[in-house]
Amino acid sequence: MATKDNILSKEAKQGEKMIEVKLRFWTNDIASEPGKVIPKHAWAAGVVRMERNKSHGIEPSAPLPFHSLLDVGAAIEKVLIDHGVVLHSGRKMQKYFSNE
């Protein structure tokens, strides 16, 4: 079945319809004892990675680090671009775009 820009659509199994980006926060060296963690405590830094998805043809590559919460959006954008993901704007986003 042809869709936007004549790209063919295909069946997706349950659980593979969505594209998933995983955000992971580092917890090392917060607890005073090696190998221990303090529950619900993490650094404001970590990695962003894509999850594998056969239906979308996504094979995860190396995680992309971020060093501040302000970097998270840019890291997510880079990971999506690097994996060839194309985002479409929804109704609520349309107010930010010109029809010119």
PDB file of N, CA and C in Angstrom:
ATOM      1  N   MET A   1       0.839  -1.173   0.000  1.00  0.00           N
ATOM      2  CA  MET A   1       0.000   0.000   0.000  1.00  0.00           C
ATOM      3  C   MET A   1       0.890   1.244   0.000  1.00  0.00           C
ATOM      4  N   ALA A   2       0.667   2.159  -0.927  1.00  0.00           N
ATOM      5  CA  ALA A   2       1.468   3.377  -1.025  1.00  0.00           C
ATOM      6  C   ALA A   2       0.975   4.410  -0.011  1.00  0.00           C
ATOM      7  N   THR A   3       1.912   5.139   0.557  1.00  0.00           N
ATOM      8  CA  THR A   3       1.580   6.191   1.524  1.00  0.00           C
ATOM      9  C   THR A   3       2.311   7.468   1.130  1.00  0.00           C
ATOM     10  N   LYS A   4       2.513   8.339   2.074  1.00  0.00           N
ATOM     11  CA  LYS A   4       3.160   9.632   1.851  1.00  0.00           C
ATOM     12  C   LYS A   4       4.440   9.470   1.030  1.00  0.00           C
ATOM     13  N   ASP A   5       4.557  10.263  -0.022  1.00  0.00           N
ATOM     14  CA  ASP A   5       5.730  10.262  -0.910  1.00  0.00           C
ATOM     15  C   ASP A   5       5.996   8.900  -1.545  1.00  0.00           C
ATOM     16  N   ASN A   6       4.956   8.101  -1.739  1.00  0.00           N
ATOM     17  CA  ASN A   6       5.046   6.796  -2.401  1.00  0.00           C
ATOM     18  C   ASN A   6       5.956   5.796  -1.684  1.00  0.00           C
ATOM     19  N   ILE A   7       6.093   5.930  -0.378  1.00  0.00           N
ATOM     20  CA  ILE A   7       6.836   4.946   0.410  1.00  0.00           C
ATOM     21  C   ILE A   7       5.856   3.843   0.758  1.00  0.00           C
ATOM     22  N   LEU A   8       6.247   2.598   0.578  1.00  0.00           N
ATOM     23  CA  LEU A   8       5.348   1.488   0.848  1.00  0.00           C
ATOM     24  C   LEU A   8       5.191   1.262   2.344  1.00  0.00           C
ATOM     25  N   SER A   9       3.944   1.046   2.758  1.00  0.00           N
ATOM     26  CA  SER A   9       3.685   0.712   4.158  1.00  0.00           C
ATOM     27  C   SER A   9       3.730  -0.796   4.296  1.00  0.00           C
ATOM     28  N   LYS A  10       3.875  -1.268   5.531  1.00  0.00           N
ATOM     29  CA  LYS A  10       3.907  -2.716   5.759  1.00  0.00           C
ATOM     30  C   LYS A  10       3.301  -3.040   7.102  1.00  0.00           C
ATOM     31  N   GLU A  11       2.991  -4.309   7.298  1.00  0.00           N
ATOM     32  CA  GLU A  11       2.410  -4.779   8.554  1.00  0.00           C
ATOM     33  C   GLU A  11       3.423  -4.638   9.680  1.00  0.00           C
ATOM     34  N   ALA A  12       2.929  -4.308  10.865  1.00  0.00           N
ATOM     35  CA  ALA A  12       3.782  -4.230  12.055  1.00  0.00           C
ATOM     36  C   ALA A  12       3.153  -5.096  13.134  1.00  0.00           C
ATOM     37  N   LYS A  13       3.982  -5.923  13.752  1.00  0.00           N
ATOM     38  CA  LYS A  13       3.513  -6.766  14.849  1.00  0.00           C
ATOM     39  C   LYS A  13       3.159  -5.895  16.051  1.00  0.00           C
ATOM     40  N   GLN A  14       2.322  -6.449  16.922  1.00  0.00           N
ATOM     41  CA  GLN A  14       2.005  -5.765  18.172  1.00  0.00           C
ATOM     42  C   GLN A  14       3.307  -5.527  18.928  1.00  0.00           C
ATOM     43  N   GLY A  15       3.497  -4.327  19.425  1.00  0.00           N
ATOM     44  CA  GLY A  15       4.715  -3.995  20.141  1.00  0.00           C
ATOM     45  C   GLY A  15       5.796  -3.405  19.247  1.00  0.00           C
ATOM     46  N   GLU A  16       5.583  -3.421  17.914  1.00  0.00           N
ATOM     47  CA  GLU A  16       6.556  -2.852  16.984  1.00  0.00           C
ATOM     48  C   GLU A  16       5.967  -1.715  16.167  1.00  0.00           C
ATOM     49  N   LYS A  17       4.809  -1.213  16.567  1.00  0.00           N
ATOM     50  CA  LYS A  17       4.179  -0.122  15.826  1.00  0.00           C
ATOM     51  C   LYS A  17       4.793   1.225  16.191  1.00  0.00           C
ATOM     52  N   MET A  18       5.252   1.359  17.408  1.00  0.00           N
ATOM     53  CA  MET A  18       5.831   2.622  17.864  1.00  0.00           C
ATOM     54  C   MET A  18       7.345   2.579  17.729  1.00  0.00           C
ATOM     55  N   ILE A  19       7.933   3.750  17.564  1.00  0.00           N
ATOM     56  CA  ILE A  19       9.382   3.892  17.565  1.00  0.00           C
ATOM     57  C   ILE A  19       9.767   4.341  18.965  1.00  0.00           C
ATOM     58  N   GLU A  20      10.729   3.642  19.548  1.00  0.00           N
ATOM     59  CA  GLU A  20      11.084   3.892  20.937  1.00  0.00           C
ATOM     60  C   GLU A  20      12.499   4.431  21.061  1.00  0.00           C
ATOM     61  N   VAL A  21      12.625   5.512  21.816  1.00  0.00           N
ATOM     62  CA  VAL A  21      13.915   6.095  22.172  1.00  0.00           C
ATOM     63  C   VAL A  21      14.074   5.905  23.668  1.00  0.00           C
ATOM     64  N   LYS A  22      15.213   5.372  24.075  1.00  0.00           N
ATOM     65  CA  LYS A  22      15.434   5.120  25.499  1.00  0.00           C
ATOM     66  C   LYS A  22      16.396   6.163  26.057  1.00  0.00           C
ATOM     67  N   LEU A  23      16.028   6.709  27.211  1.00  0.00           N
ATOM     68  CA  LEU A  23      16.820   7.695  27.918  1.00  0.00           C
ATOM     69  C   LEU A  23      17.308   7.030  29.197  1.00  0.00           C
ATOM     70  N   ARG A  24      18.631   6.993  29.395  1.00  0.00           N
ATOM     71  CA  ARG A  24      19.196   6.339  30.573  1.00  0.00           C
ATOM     72  C   ARG A  24      20.079   7.327  31.329  1.00  0.00           C
ATOM     73  N   PHE A  25      19.895   7.396  32.640  1.00  0.00           N
ATOM     74  CA  PHE A  25      20.672   8.305  33.485  1.00  0.00           C
ATOM     75  C   PHE A  25      21.725   7.518  34.254  1.00  0.00           C
ATOM     76  N   TRP A  26      22.918   8.077  34.346  1.00  0.00           N
ATOM     77  CA  TRP A  26      23.997   7.430  35.079  1.00  0.00           C
ATOM     78  C   TRP A  26      23.761   7.536  36.579  1.00  0.00           C
ATOM     79  N   THR A  27      24.118   6.469  37.304  1.00  0.00           N
ATOM     80  CA  THR A  27      23.963   6.444  38.764  1.00  0.00           C
ATOM     81  C   THR A  27      25.272   6.100  39.464  1.00  0.00           C
ATOM     82  N   ASN A  28      26.350   5.970  38.703  1.00  0.00           N
ATOM     83  CA  ASN A  28      27.635   5.578  39.293  1.00  0.00           C
ATOM     84  C   ASN A  28      28.177   6.654  40.233  1.00  0.00           C
ATOM     85  N   ASP A  29      28.867   6.208  41.256  1.00  0.00           N
ATOM     86  CA  ASP A  29      29.584   7.073  42.209  1.00  0.00           C
ATOM     87  C   ASP A  29      28.699   8.041  42.987  1.00  0.00           C
ATOM     88  N   ILE A  30      27.409   7.782  43.091  1.00  0.00           N
ATOM     89  CA  ILE A  30      26.560   8.615  43.950  1.00  0.00           C
ATOM     90  C   ILE A  30      26.560   8.033  45.361  1.00  0.00           C
ATOM     91  N   ALA A  31      26.422   6.712  45.459  1.00  0.00           N
ATOM     92  CA  ALA A  31      26.474   6.049  46.769  1.00  0.00           C
ATOM     93  C   ALA A  31      27.923   6.020  47.246  1.00  0.00           C
ATOM     94  N   SER A  32      28.125   6.027  48.547  1.00  0.00           N
ATOM     95  CA  SER A  32      29.483   6.054  49.106  1.00  0.00           C
ATOM     96  C   SER A  32      30.189   4.701  49.000  1.00  0.00           C
ATOM     97  N   GLU A  33      29.426   3.617  48.775  1.00  0.00           N
ATOM     98  CA  GLU A  33      30.024   2.286  48.669  1.00  0.00           C
ATOM     99  C   GLU A  33      29.989   1.811  47.224  1.00  0.00           C
ATOM    100  N   PRO A  34      31.098   1.248  46.723  1.00  0.00           N
ATOM    101  CA  PRO A  34      31.122   0.732  45.344  1.00  0.00           C
ATOM    102  C   PRO A  34      30.075  -0.361  45.124  1.00  0.00           C
ATOM    103  N   GLY A  35      29.434  -0.345  43.967  1.00  0.00           N
ATOM    104  CA  GLY A  35      28.442  -1.357  43.638  1.00  0.00           C
ATOM    105  C   GLY A  35      27.069  -1.108  44.235  1.00  0.00           C
ATOM    106  N   LYS A  36      26.913  -0.048  44.981  1.00  0.00           N
ATOM    107  CA  LYS A  36      25.627   0.287  45.596  1.00  0.00           C
ATOM    108  C   LYS A  36      25.025   1.503  44.893  1.00  0.00           C
ATOM    109  N   VAL A  37      23.717   1.653  45.021  1.00  0.00           N
ATOM    110  CA  VAL A  37      23.022   2.836  44.497  1.00  0.00           C
ATOM    111  C   VAL A  37      22.174   3.441  45.596  1.00  0.00           C
ATOM    112  N   ILE A  38      21.855   4.698  45.439  1.00  0.00           N
ATOM    113  CA  ILE A  38      20.890   5.348  46.309  1.00  0.00           C
ATOM    114  C   ILE A  38      19.594   5.380  45.505  1.00  0.00           C
ATOM    115  N   PRO A  39      18.547   4.686  45.951  1.00  0.00           N
ATOM    116  CA  PRO A  39      17.314   4.603  45.167  1.00  0.00           C
ATOM    117  C   PRO A  39      16.787   5.971  44.739  1.00  0.00           C
ATOM    118  N   LYS A  40      16.395   6.047  43.483  1.00  0.00           N
ATOM    119  CA  LYS A  40      15.802   7.238  42.869  1.00  0.00           C
ATOM    120  C   LYS A  40      16.750   8.423  42.776  1.00  0.00           C
ATOM    121  N   HIS A  41      18.059   8.180  42.802  1.00  0.00           N
ATOM    122  CA  HIS A  41      19.052   9.243  42.633  1.00  0.00           C
ATOM    123  C   HIS A  41      19.878   8.927  41.390  1.00  0.00           C
ATOM    124  N   ALA A  42      20.123   9.959  40.566  1.00  0.00           N
ATOM    125  CA  ALA A  42      20.932   9.796  39.362  1.00  0.00           C
ATOM    126  C   ALA A  42      21.566  11.127  39.009  1.00  0.00           C
ATOM    127  N   TRP A  43      22.598  11.061  38.174  1.00  0.00           N
ATOM    128  CA  TRP A  43      23.213  12.269  37.646  1.00  0.00           C
ATOM    129  C   TRP A  43      22.298  12.874  36.595  1.00  0.00           C
ATOM    130  N   ALA A  44      22.442  14.158  36.333  1.00  0.00           N
ATOM    131  CA  ALA A  44      21.681  14.834  35.277  1.00  0.00           C
ATOM    132  C   ALA A  44      22.424  14.648  33.955  1.00  0.00           C
ATOM    133  N   ALA A  45      22.877  13.431  33.708  1.00  0.00           N
ATOM    134  CA  ALA A  45      23.628  13.079  32.505  1.00  0.00           C
ATOM    135  C   ALA A  45      23.414  11.599  32.240  1.00  0.00           C
ATOM    136  N   GLY A  46      23.662  11.178  31.021  1.00  0.00           N
ATOM    137  CA  GLY A  46      23.488   9.773  30.676  1.00  0.00           C
ATOM    138  C   GLY A  46      23.588   9.567  29.174  1.00  0.00           C
ATOM    139  N   VAL A  47      22.749   8.678  28.640  1.00  0.00           N
ATOM    140  CA  VAL A  47      22.784   8.373  27.210  1.00  0.00           C
ATOM    141  C   VAL A  47      21.368   8.261  26.642  1.00  0.00           C
ATOM    142  N   VAL A  48      21.273   8.529  25.331  1.00  0.00           N
ATOM    143  CA  VAL A  48      20.040   8.341  24.568  1.00  0.00           C
ATOM    144  C   VAL A  48      20.340   7.262  23.540  1.00  0.00           C
ATOM    145  N   ARG A  49      19.418   6.303  23.375  1.00  0.00           N
ATOM    146  CA  ARG A  49      19.619   5.264  22.371  1.00  0.00           C
ATOM    147  C   ARG A  49      18.289   4.864  21.764  1.00  0.00           C
ATOM    148  N   MET A  50      18.335   4.338  20.556  1.00  0.00           N
ATOM    149  CA  MET A  50      17.149   3.804  19.889  1.00  0.00           C
ATOM    150  C   MET A  50      16.971   2.357  20.318  1.00  0.00           C
ATOM    151  N   GLU A  51      15.743   1.929  20.405  1.00  0.00           N
ATOM    152  CA  GLU A  51      15.442   0.525  20.662  1.00  0.00           C
ATOM    153  C   GLU A  51      15.275  -0.191  19.322  1.00  0.00           C
ATOM    154  N   ARG A  52      15.665  -1.440  19.268  1.00  0.00           N
ATOM    155  CA  ARG A  52      15.537  -2.250  18.058  1.00  0.00           C
ATOM    156  C   ARG A  52      14.057  -2.371  17.680  1.00  0.00           C
ATOM    157  N   ASN A  53      13.763  -2.272  16.367  1.00  0.00           N
ATOM    158  CA  ASN A  53      12.398  -2.427  15.883  1.00  0.00           C
ATOM    159  C   ASN A  53      12.443  -2.967  14.467  1.00  0.00           C
ATOM    160  N   LYS A  54      12.139  -4.267  14.309  1.00  0.00           N
ATOM    161  CA  LYS A  54      12.208  -4.914  12.999  1.00  0.00           C
ATOM    162  C   LYS A  54      11.236  -4.307  12.000  1.00  0.00           C
ATOM    163  N   SER A  55      10.025  -3.990  12.440  1.00  0.00           N
ATOM    164  CA  SER A  55       9.009  -3.456  11.529  1.00  0.00           C
ATOM    165  C   SER A  55       9.458  -2.144  10.892  1.00  0.00           C
ATOM    166  N   HIS A  56      10.174  -1.326  11.645  1.00  0.00           N
ATOM    167  CA  HIS A  56      10.646  -0.043  11.146  1.00  0.00           C
ATOM    168  C   HIS A  56      12.065  -0.128  10.591  1.00  0.00           C
ATOM    169  N   GLY A  57      12.690  -1.294  10.680  1.00  0.00           N
ATOM    170  CA  GLY A  57      14.047  -1.461  10.176  1.00  0.00           C
ATOM    171  C   GLY A  57      15.087  -0.728  11.007  1.00  0.00           C
ATOM    172  N   ILE A  58      14.846  -0.633  12.303  1.00  0.00           N
ATOM    173  CA  ILE A  58      15.770   0.090  13.183  1.00  0.00           C
ATOM    174  C   ILE A  58      16.683  -0.893  13.901  1.00  0.00           C
ATOM    175  N   GLU A  59      17.975  -0.729  13.654  1.00  0.00           N
ATOM    176  CA  GLU A  59      19.018  -1.460  14.362  1.00  0.00           C
ATOM    177  C   GLU A  59      19.765  -0.430  15.194  1.00  0.00           C
ATOM    178  N   PRO A  60      19.748  -0.535  16.510  1.00  0.00           N
ATOM    179  CA  PRO A  60      20.383   0.487  17.336  1.00  0.00           C
ATOM    180  C   PRO A  60      21.887   0.583  17.100  1.00  0.00           C
ATOM    181  N   SER A  61      22.388   1.795  17.134  1.00  0.00           N
ATOM    182  CA  SER A  61      23.830   2.009  17.079  1.00  0.00           C
ATOM    183  C   SER A  61      24.289   2.415  18.478  1.00  0.00           C
ATOM    184  N   ALA A  62      25.506   2.886  18.585  1.00  0.00           N
ATOM    185  CA  ALA A  62      26.058   3.252  19.899  1.00  0.00           C
ATOM    186  C   ALA A  62      25.204   4.341  20.553  1.00  0.00           C
ATOM    187  N   PRO A  63      24.992   4.258  21.865  1.00  0.00           N
ATOM    188  CA  PRO A  63      24.239   5.297  22.570  1.00  0.00           C
ATOM    189  C   PRO A  63      24.944   6.647  22.457  1.00  0.00           C
ATOM    190  N   LEU A  64      24.158   7.716  22.453  1.00  0.00           N
ATOM    191  CA  LEU A  64      24.701   9.071  22.362  1.00  0.00           C
ATOM    192  C   LEU A  64      24.633   9.725  23.746  1.00  0.00           C
ATOM    193  N   PRO A  65      25.776  10.123  24.294  1.00  0.00           N
ATOM    194  CA  PRO A  65      25.759  10.715  25.638  1.00  0.00           C
ATOM    195  C   PRO A  65      25.207  12.138  25.654  1.00  0.00           C
ATOM    196  N   PHE A  66      24.636  12.515  26.795  1.00  0.00           N
ATOM    197  CA  PHE A  66      24.254  13.897  27.072  1.00  0.00           C
ATOM    198  C   PHE A  66      24.829  14.235  28.449  1.00  0.00           C
ATOM    199  N   HIS A  67      25.157  15.510  28.652  1.00  0.00           N
ATOM    200  CA  HIS A  67      25.833  15.900  29.886  1.00  0.00           C
ATOM    201  C   HIS A  67      25.042  16.897  30.717  1.00  0.00           C
ATOM    202  N   SER A  68      23.827  17.219  30.250  1.00  0.00           N
ATOM    203  CA  SER A  68      22.956  18.155  30.947  1.00  0.00           C
ATOM    204  C   SER A  68      21.541  17.896  30.471  1.00  0.00           C
ATOM    205  N   LEU A  69      20.555  18.199  31.284  1.00  0.00           N
ATOM    206  CA  LEU A  69      19.169  18.045  30.839  1.00  0.00           C
ATOM    207  C   LEU A  69      18.877  18.946  29.646  1.00  0.00           C
ATOM    208  N   LEU A  70      19.619  20.034  29.515  1.00  0.00           N
ATOM    209  CA  LEU A  70      19.442  20.921  28.367  1.00  0.00           C
ATOM    210  C   LEU A  70      19.922  20.260  27.067  1.00  0.00           C
ATOM    211  N   ASP A  71      20.762  19.241  27.173  1.00  0.00           N
ATOM    212  CA  ASP A  71      21.274  18.526  25.993  1.00  0.00           C
ATOM    213  C   ASP A  71      20.352  17.399  25.521  1.00  0.00           C
ATOM    214  N   VAL A  72      19.377  17.010  26.334  1.00  0.00           N
ATOM    215  CA  VAL A  72      18.553  15.836  26.020  1.00  0.00           C
ATOM    216  C   VAL A  72      17.817  15.986  24.695  1.00  0.00           C
ATOM    217  N   GLY A  73      17.170  17.125  24.465  1.00  0.00           N
ATOM    218  CA  GLY A  73      16.430  17.329  23.224  1.00  0.00           C
ATOM    219  C   GLY A  73      17.321  17.215  22.002  1.00  0.00           C
ATOM    220  N   ALA A  74      18.497  17.827  22.058  1.00  0.00           N
ATOM    221  CA  ALA A  74      19.435  17.761  20.935  1.00  0.00           C
ATOM    222  C   ALA A  74      19.928  16.334  20.721  1.00  0.00           C
ATOM    223  N   ALA A  75      20.172  15.602  21.810  1.00  0.00           N
ATOM    224  CA  ALA A  75      20.635  14.219  21.695  1.00  0.00           C
ATOM    225  C   ALA A  75      19.549  13.337  21.077  1.00  0.00           C
ATOM    226  N   ILE A  76      18.300  13.525  21.493  1.00  0.00           N
ATOM    227  CA  ILE A  76      17.190  12.756  20.908  1.00  0.00           C
ATOM    228  C   ILE A  76      17.074  13.064  19.421  1.00  0.00           C
ATOM    229  N   GLU A  77      17.137  14.345  19.069  1.00  0.00           N
ATOM    230  CA  GLU A  77      17.050  14.724  17.659  1.00  0.00           C
ATOM    231  C   GLU A  77      18.158  14.074  16.839  1.00  0.00           C
ATOM    232  N   LYS A  78      19.386  14.093  17.335  1.00  0.00           N
ATOM    233  CA  LYS A  78      20.507  13.500  16.599  1.00  0.00           C
ATOM    234  C   LYS A  78      20.325  11.996  16.432  1.00  0.00           C
ATOM    235  N   VAL A  79      19.885  11.307  17.481  1.00  0.00           N
ATOM    236  CA  VAL A  79      19.669   9.855  17.403  1.00  0.00           C
ATOM    237  C   VAL A  79      18.587   9.537  16.367  1.00  0.00           C
ATOM    238  N   LEU A  80      17.490  10.299  16.361  1.00  0.00           N
ATOM    239  CA  LEU A  80      16.426  10.075  15.372  1.00  0.00           C
ATOM    240  C   LEU A  80      16.944  10.296  13.956  1.00  0.00           C
ATOM    241  N   ILE A  81      17.673  11.369  13.733  1.00  0.00           N
ATOM    242  CA  ILE A  81      18.226  11.661  12.401  1.00  0.00           C
ATOM    243  C   ILE A  81      19.209  10.572  11.985  1.00  0.00           C
ATOM    244  N   ASP A  82      20.101  10.182  12.887  1.00  0.00           N
ATOM    245  CA  ASP A  82      21.098   9.152  12.575  1.00  0.00           C
ATOM    246  C   ASP A  82      20.464   7.816  12.184  1.00  0.00           C
ATOM    247  N   HIS A  83      19.258   7.552  12.694  1.00  0.00           N
ATOM    248  CA  HIS A  83      18.562   6.307  12.373  1.00  0.00           C
ATOM    249  C   HIS A  83      17.561   6.484  11.233  1.00  0.00           C
ATOM    250  N   GLY A  84      17.534   7.665  10.618  1.00  0.00           N
ATOM    251  CA  GLY A  84      16.679   7.905   9.459  1.00  0.00           C
ATOM    252  C   GLY A  84      15.205   8.051   9.769  1.00  0.00           C
ATOM    253  N   VAL A  85      14.875   8.403  11.003  1.00  0.00           N
ATOM    254  CA  VAL A  85      13.478   8.557  11.396  1.00  0.00           C
ATOM    255  C   VAL A  85      12.973   9.926  10.926  1.00  0.00           C
ATOM    256  N   VAL A  86      11.815   9.933  10.271  1.00  0.00           N
ATOM    257  CA  VAL A  86      11.193  11.168   9.788  1.00  0.00           C
ATOM    258  C   VAL A  86       9.976  11.444  10.663  1.00  0.00           C
ATOM    259  N   LEU A  87       9.941  12.611  11.294  1.00  0.00           N
ATOM    260  CA  LEU A  87       8.815  12.971  12.152  1.00  0.00           C
ATOM    261  C   LEU A  87       7.824  13.830  11.371  1.00  0.00           C
ATOM    262  N   HIS A  88       6.546  13.615  11.616  1.00  0.00           N
ATOM    263  CA  HIS A  88       5.461  14.388  11.000  1.00  0.00           C
ATOM    264  C   HIS A  88       4.796  15.201  12.100  1.00  0.00           C
ATOM    265  N   SER A  89       4.480  16.448  11.810  1.00  0.00           N
ATOM    266  CA  SER A  89       3.865  17.293  12.831  1.00  0.00           C
ATOM    267  C   SER A  89       2.383  16.967  12.983  1.00  0.00           C
ATOM    268  N   GLY A  90       1.920  16.972  14.219  1.00  0.00           N
ATOM    269  CA  GLY A  90       0.508  16.742  14.515  1.00  0.00           C
ATOM    270  C   GLY A  90      -0.257  18.049  14.509  1.00  0.00           C
ATOM    271  N   ARG A  91      -1.542  17.968  14.803  1.00  0.00           N
ATOM    272  CA  ARG A  91      -2.397  19.164  14.791  1.00  0.00           C
ATOM    273  C   ARG A  91      -1.892  20.270  15.707  1.00  0.00           C
ATOM    274  N   LYS A  92      -1.475  19.911  16.913  1.00  0.00           N
ATOM    275  CA  LYS A  92      -1.038  20.932  17.866  1.00  0.00           C
ATOM    276  C   LYS A  92       0.245  21.625  17.420  1.00  0.00           C
ATOM    277  N   MET A  93       1.069  20.950  16.638  1.00  0.00           N
ATOM    278  CA  MET A  93       2.310  21.554  16.152  1.00  0.00           C
ATOM    279  C   MET A  93       2.079  22.456  14.941  1.00  0.00           C
ATOM    280  N   GLN A  94       0.967  22.297  14.256  1.00  0.00           N
ATOM    281  CA  GLN A  94       0.711  23.054  13.031  1.00  0.00           C
ATOM    282  C   GLN A  94       0.740  24.562  13.262  1.00  0.00           C
ATOM    283  N   LYS A  95       0.417  25.014  14.457  1.00  0.00           N
ATOM    284  CA  LYS A  95       0.395  26.458  14.736  1.00  0.00           C
ATOM    285  C   LYS A  95       1.782  27.087  14.635  1.00  0.00           C
ATOM    286  N   TYR A  96       2.837  26.259  14.653  1.00  0.00           N
ATOM    287  CA  TYR A  96       4.201  26.768  14.569  1.00  0.00           C
ATOM    288  C   TYR A  96       4.715  26.855  13.136  1.00  0.00           C
ATOM    289  N   PHE A  97       3.940  26.369  12.169  1.00  0.00           N
ATOM    290  CA  PHE A  97       4.395  26.308  10.787  1.00  0.00           C
ATOM    291  C   PHE A  97       3.609  27.258   9.908  1.00  0.00           C
ATOM    292  N   SER A  98       4.264  27.773   8.901  1.00  0.00           N
ATOM    293  CA  SER A  98       3.641  28.668   7.938  1.00  0.00           C
ATOM    294  C   SER A  98       3.083  27.850   6.772  1.00  0.00           C
ATOM    295  N   ASN A  99       1.976  28.308   6.179  1.00  0.00           N
ATOM    296  CA  ASN A  99       1.408  27.643   5.000  1.00  0.00           C
ATOM    297  C   ASN A  99       1.942  28.245   3.714  1.00  0.00           C
ATOM    298  N   GLU A 100       2.925  29.107   3.806  1.00  0.00           N
ATOM    299  CA  GLU A 100       3.475  29.770   2.614  1.00  0.00           C
ATOM    300  C   GLU A 100       4.303  28.829   1.806  1.00  0.00           C
TER     301      GLU A 100
END
